[in-house]
Amino acid sequence: MSRKWCRRDTTTSYDGGMTETPRLTDEQTEALRERAELEGRSMRQIVPAAVDEYLSRPAADEEVRRLGAKSRERWRPVLDRLGE
């Protein structure tokens, strides 16, 4: 199953955002419809939330890497002693 996104309309919407229409497979559309119904939300509410979550991942991943490096340095003496 491939994901195809196609920009059909690049006009500015009433709320100032760009209007774009994703092209989903029939299976994706049905799964999205089922999830929306289960959550009591519309598909139009879920899609922007999913995009926001997707776009925030690199920042979250970088924060985890930064905190991991900071913790390694903080606990290096303890880890070195445990490794002996």
N, C-alpha and C. Protein backbone atom coordinates (compact mmCIF):
# COMPACT_ATOMS: atom_id res chain seq x y z
N MET A 1 0.85 -1.17 0.00
CA MET A 1 0.00 0.00 0.00
C MET A 1 0.90 1.23 0.00
N SER A 2 0.76 2.06 -0.99
CA SER A 2 1.58 3.27 -1.05
C SER A 2 0.76 4.47 -0.60
N ARG A 3 1.48 5.43 -0.06
CA ARG A 3 0.82 6.66 0.39
C ARG A 3 1.07 7.73 -0.64
N LYS A 4 0.03 8.32 -1.15
CA LYS A 4 0.17 9.35 -2.15
C LYS A 4 -0.50 10.62 -1.65
N TRP A 5 0.26 11.67 -1.56
CA TRP A 5 -0.27 12.97 -1.16
C TRP A 5 -0.17 13.88 -2.36
N CYS A 6 -1.22 14.55 -2.66
CA CYS A 6 -1.23 15.41 -3.84
C CYS A 6 -1.79 16.77 -3.47
N ARG A 7 -1.07 17.82 -3.79
CA ARG A 7 -1.55 19.16 -3.55
C ARG A 7 -2.53 19.50 -4.66
N ARG A 8 -3.79 19.62 -4.32
CA ARG A 8 -4.81 19.95 -5.31
C ARG A 8 -5.20 21.41 -5.24
N ASP A 9 -5.22 21.93 -4.03
CA ASP A 9 -5.71 23.29 -3.83
C ASP A 9 -4.75 24.00 -2.91
N THR A 10 -4.14 25.06 -3.40
CA THR A 10 -3.18 25.79 -2.57
C THR A 10 -3.71 27.18 -2.22
N THR A 11 -5.00 27.31 -2.15
CA THR A 11 -5.57 28.59 -1.76
C THR A 11 -5.54 28.72 -0.25
N THR A 12 -5.64 29.93 0.23
CA THR A 12 -5.67 30.15 1.67
C THR A 12 -7.09 29.92 2.16
N SER A 13 -7.22 29.14 3.23
CA SER A 13 -8.53 28.83 3.78
C SER A 13 -9.00 29.98 4.67
N TYR A 14 -10.23 29.87 5.11
CA TYR A 14 -10.82 30.93 5.92
C TYR A 14 -10.06 31.18 7.21
N ASP A 15 -9.36 30.18 7.73
CA ASP A 15 -8.63 30.37 8.98
C ASP A 15 -7.16 30.73 8.76
N GLY A 16 -6.79 31.01 7.52
CA GLY A 16 -5.43 31.45 7.23
C GLY A 16 -4.48 30.33 6.87
N GLY A 17 -4.92 29.07 6.98
CA GLY A 17 -4.07 27.94 6.65
C GLY A 17 -4.17 27.60 5.17
N MET A 18 -3.28 26.75 4.73
CA MET A 18 -3.33 26.30 3.34
C MET A 18 -4.29 25.12 3.25
N THR A 19 -5.07 25.09 2.21
CA THR A 19 -6.00 23.99 1.98
C THR A 19 -5.31 22.97 1.09
N GLU A 20 -5.17 21.76 1.59
CA GLU A 20 -4.55 20.68 0.84
C GLU A 20 -5.41 19.44 0.98
N THR A 21 -5.44 18.63 -0.03
CA THR A 21 -6.23 17.41 -0.01
C THR A 21 -5.31 16.21 -0.15
N PRO A 22 -5.19 15.40 0.91
CA PRO A 22 -4.36 14.20 0.79
C PRO A 22 -5.09 13.13 -0.01
N ARG A 23 -4.36 12.40 -0.81
CA ARG A 23 -4.95 11.26 -1.51
C ARG A 23 -4.59 10.02 -0.72
N LEU A 24 -5.59 9.36 -0.23
CA LEU A 24 -5.39 8.14 0.55
C LEU A 24 -5.93 6.95 -0.23
N THR A 25 -5.37 5.78 0.06
CA THR A 25 -5.93 4.57 -0.53
C THR A 25 -7.29 4.33 0.10
N ASP A 26 -8.07 3.45 -0.51
CA ASP A 26 -9.36 3.11 0.06
C ASP A 26 -9.21 2.52 1.46
N GLU A 27 -8.17 1.71 1.64
CA GLU A 27 -7.93 1.10 2.94
C GLU A 27 -7.57 2.15 3.99
N GLN A 28 -6.75 3.13 3.62
CA GLN A 28 -6.38 4.20 4.55
C GLN A 28 -7.61 5.03 4.91
N THR A 29 -8.41 5.33 3.92
CA THR A 29 -9.61 6.14 4.16
C THR A 29 -10.56 5.42 5.11
N GLU A 30 -10.76 4.14 4.89
CA GLU A 30 -11.66 3.38 5.75
C GLU A 30 -11.11 3.28 7.17
N ALA A 31 -9.80 3.04 7.30
CA ALA A 31 -9.19 2.97 8.62
C ALA A 31 -9.29 4.31 9.34
N LEU A 32 -9.10 5.39 8.61
CA LEU A 32 -9.21 6.73 9.18
C LEU A 32 -10.65 7.00 9.61
N ARG A 33 -11.60 6.62 8.78
CA ARG A 33 -13.01 6.81 9.10
C ARG A 33 -13.39 6.04 10.37
N GLU A 34 -12.93 4.79 10.46
CA GLU A 34 -13.21 3.98 11.64
C GLU A 34 -12.60 4.57 12.90
N ARG A 35 -11.34 5.03 12.78
CA ARG A 35 -10.67 5.62 13.95
C ARG A 35 -11.36 6.90 14.39
N ALA A 36 -11.76 7.71 13.42
CA ALA A 36 -12.45 8.97 13.74
C ALA A 36 -13.76 8.69 14.46
N GLU A 37 -14.48 7.72 13.97
CA GLU A 37 -15.76 7.37 14.62
C GLU A 37 -15.52 6.85 16.03
N LEU A 38 -14.50 6.00 16.19
CA LEU A 38 -14.17 5.45 17.49
C LEU A 38 -13.80 6.54 18.49
N GLU A 39 -13.07 7.55 18.02
CA GLU A 39 -12.62 8.64 18.89
C GLU A 39 -13.63 9.76 19.02
N GLY A 40 -14.70 9.71 18.23
CA GLY A 40 -15.70 10.78 18.29
C GLY A 40 -15.19 12.08 17.69
N ARG A 41 -14.28 11.96 16.71
CA ARG A 41 -13.74 13.13 16.04
C ARG A 41 -13.96 12.98 14.55
N SER A 42 -13.81 14.09 13.84
CA SER A 42 -13.94 14.03 12.39
C SER A 42 -12.59 13.69 11.78
N MET A 43 -12.63 13.20 10.54
CA MET A 43 -11.39 12.94 9.82
C MET A 43 -10.63 14.24 9.63
N ARG A 44 -11.34 15.34 9.46
CA ARG A 44 -10.69 16.64 9.29
C ARG A 44 -9.98 17.11 10.55
N GLN A 45 -10.39 16.63 11.70
CA GLN A 45 -9.70 16.95 12.95
C GLN A 45 -8.46 16.08 13.12
N ILE A 46 -8.56 14.83 12.72
CA ILE A 46 -7.48 13.89 12.93
C ILE A 46 -6.28 14.17 12.02
N VAL A 47 -6.53 14.49 10.77
CA VAL A 47 -5.42 14.66 9.82
C VAL A 47 -4.46 15.77 10.25
N PRO A 48 -4.92 16.99 10.56
CA PRO A 48 -3.94 18.01 11.00
C PRO A 48 -3.22 17.62 12.29
N ALA A 49 -3.93 16.94 13.21
CA ALA A 49 -3.28 16.50 14.44
C ALA A 49 -2.18 15.49 14.13
N ALA A 50 -2.44 14.60 13.18
CA ALA A 50 -1.43 13.61 12.79
C ALA A 50 -0.23 14.28 12.13
N VAL A 51 -0.47 15.28 11.32
CA VAL A 51 0.62 16.01 10.68
C VAL A 51 1.45 16.74 11.74
N ASP A 52 0.78 17.37 12.69
CA ASP A 52 1.49 18.06 13.78
C ASP A 52 2.37 17.09 14.55
N GLU A 53 1.83 15.92 14.87
CA GLU A 53 2.60 14.92 15.60
C GLU A 53 3.80 14.46 14.79
N TYR A 54 3.59 14.21 13.52
CA TYR A 54 4.67 13.78 12.62
C TYR A 54 5.77 14.84 12.57
N LEU A 55 5.40 16.09 12.43
CA LEU A 55 6.37 17.17 12.33
C LEU A 55 7.12 17.41 13.63
N SER A 56 6.53 17.05 14.76
CA SER A 56 7.19 17.27 16.05
C SER A 56 8.18 16.17 16.39
N ARG A 57 8.14 15.05 15.68
CA ARG A 57 9.02 13.92 16.01
C ARG A 57 10.50 14.25 15.96
N PRO A 58 11.01 14.91 14.93
CA PRO A 58 12.46 15.19 14.92
C PRO A 58 12.88 16.00 16.14
N ALA A 59 12.07 16.96 16.55
CA ALA A 59 12.42 17.77 17.72
C ALA A 59 12.41 16.91 18.98
N ALA A 60 11.44 16.04 19.10
CA ALA A 60 11.37 15.16 20.26
C ALA A 60 12.54 14.18 20.26
N ASP A 61 12.87 13.63 19.09
CA ASP A 61 14.01 12.72 19.00
C ASP A 61 15.31 13.41 19.38
N GLU A 62 15.48 14.64 18.94
CA GLU A 62 16.69 15.39 19.27
C GLU A 62 16.75 15.66 20.77
N GLU A 63 15.63 15.95 21.39
CA GLU A 63 15.59 16.19 22.84
C GLU A 63 15.99 14.92 23.59
N VAL A 64 15.52 13.77 23.15
CA VAL A 64 15.89 12.50 23.79
C VAL A 64 17.39 12.26 23.64
N ARG A 65 17.94 12.51 22.45
CA ARG A 65 19.39 12.34 22.25
C ARG A 65 20.18 13.29 23.15
N ARG A 66 19.72 14.54 23.24
CA ARG A 66 20.41 15.53 24.07
C ARG A 66 20.40 15.11 25.54
N LEU A 67 19.23 14.69 26.01
CA LEU A 67 19.12 14.28 27.41
C LEU A 67 19.91 13.00 27.69
N GLY A 68 19.95 12.10 26.71
CA GLY A 68 20.74 10.88 26.87
C GLY A 68 22.22 11.18 27.00
N ALA A 69 22.71 12.08 26.16
CA ALA A 69 24.13 12.46 26.23
C ALA A 69 24.43 13.14 27.55
N LYS A 70 23.54 13.99 28.00
CA LYS A 70 23.72 14.68 29.27
C LYS A 70 23.76 13.68 30.43
N SER A 71 22.88 12.69 30.40
CA SER A 71 22.85 11.67 31.45
C SER A 71 24.09 10.80 31.43
N ARG A 72 24.56 10.46 30.22
CA ARG A 72 25.79 9.66 30.12
C ARG A 72 26.95 10.39 30.79
N GLU A 73 27.07 11.67 30.53
CA GLU A 73 28.16 12.44 31.13
C GLU A 73 27.98 12.52 32.64
N ARG A 74 26.77 12.74 33.07
CA ARG A 74 26.52 12.87 34.51
C ARG A 74 26.85 11.58 35.25
N TRP A 75 26.47 10.45 34.66
CA TRP A 75 26.63 9.17 35.35
C TRP A 75 27.86 8.39 34.90
N ARG A 76 28.74 9.02 34.12
CA ARG A 76 29.93 8.33 33.61
C ARG A 76 30.75 7.68 34.72
N PRO A 77 31.04 8.37 35.82
CA PRO A 77 31.86 7.73 36.87
C PRO A 77 31.19 6.46 37.43
N VAL A 78 29.92 6.51 37.63
CA VAL A 78 29.19 5.34 38.16
C VAL A 78 29.21 4.22 37.13
N LEU A 79 28.94 4.57 35.88
CA LEU A 79 28.93 3.54 34.83
C LEU A 79 30.31 2.91 34.65
N ASP A 80 31.35 3.73 34.76
CA ASP A 80 32.71 3.20 34.65
C ASP A 80 33.00 2.23 35.79
N ARG A 81 32.59 2.56 37.00
CA ARG A 81 32.82 1.66 38.14
C ARG A 81 32.03 0.36 37.98
N LEU A 82 30.82 0.45 37.46
CA LEU A 82 30.01 -0.75 37.26
C LEU A 82 30.62 -1.65 36.18
N GLY A 83 31.30 -1.04 35.23
CA GLY A 83 31.92 -1.79 34.15
C GLY A 83 33.22 -2.47 34.53
N GLU A 84 33.75 -2.15 35.70
CA GLU A 84 35.04 -2.75 36.13
C GLU A 84 34.86 -4.16 36.63
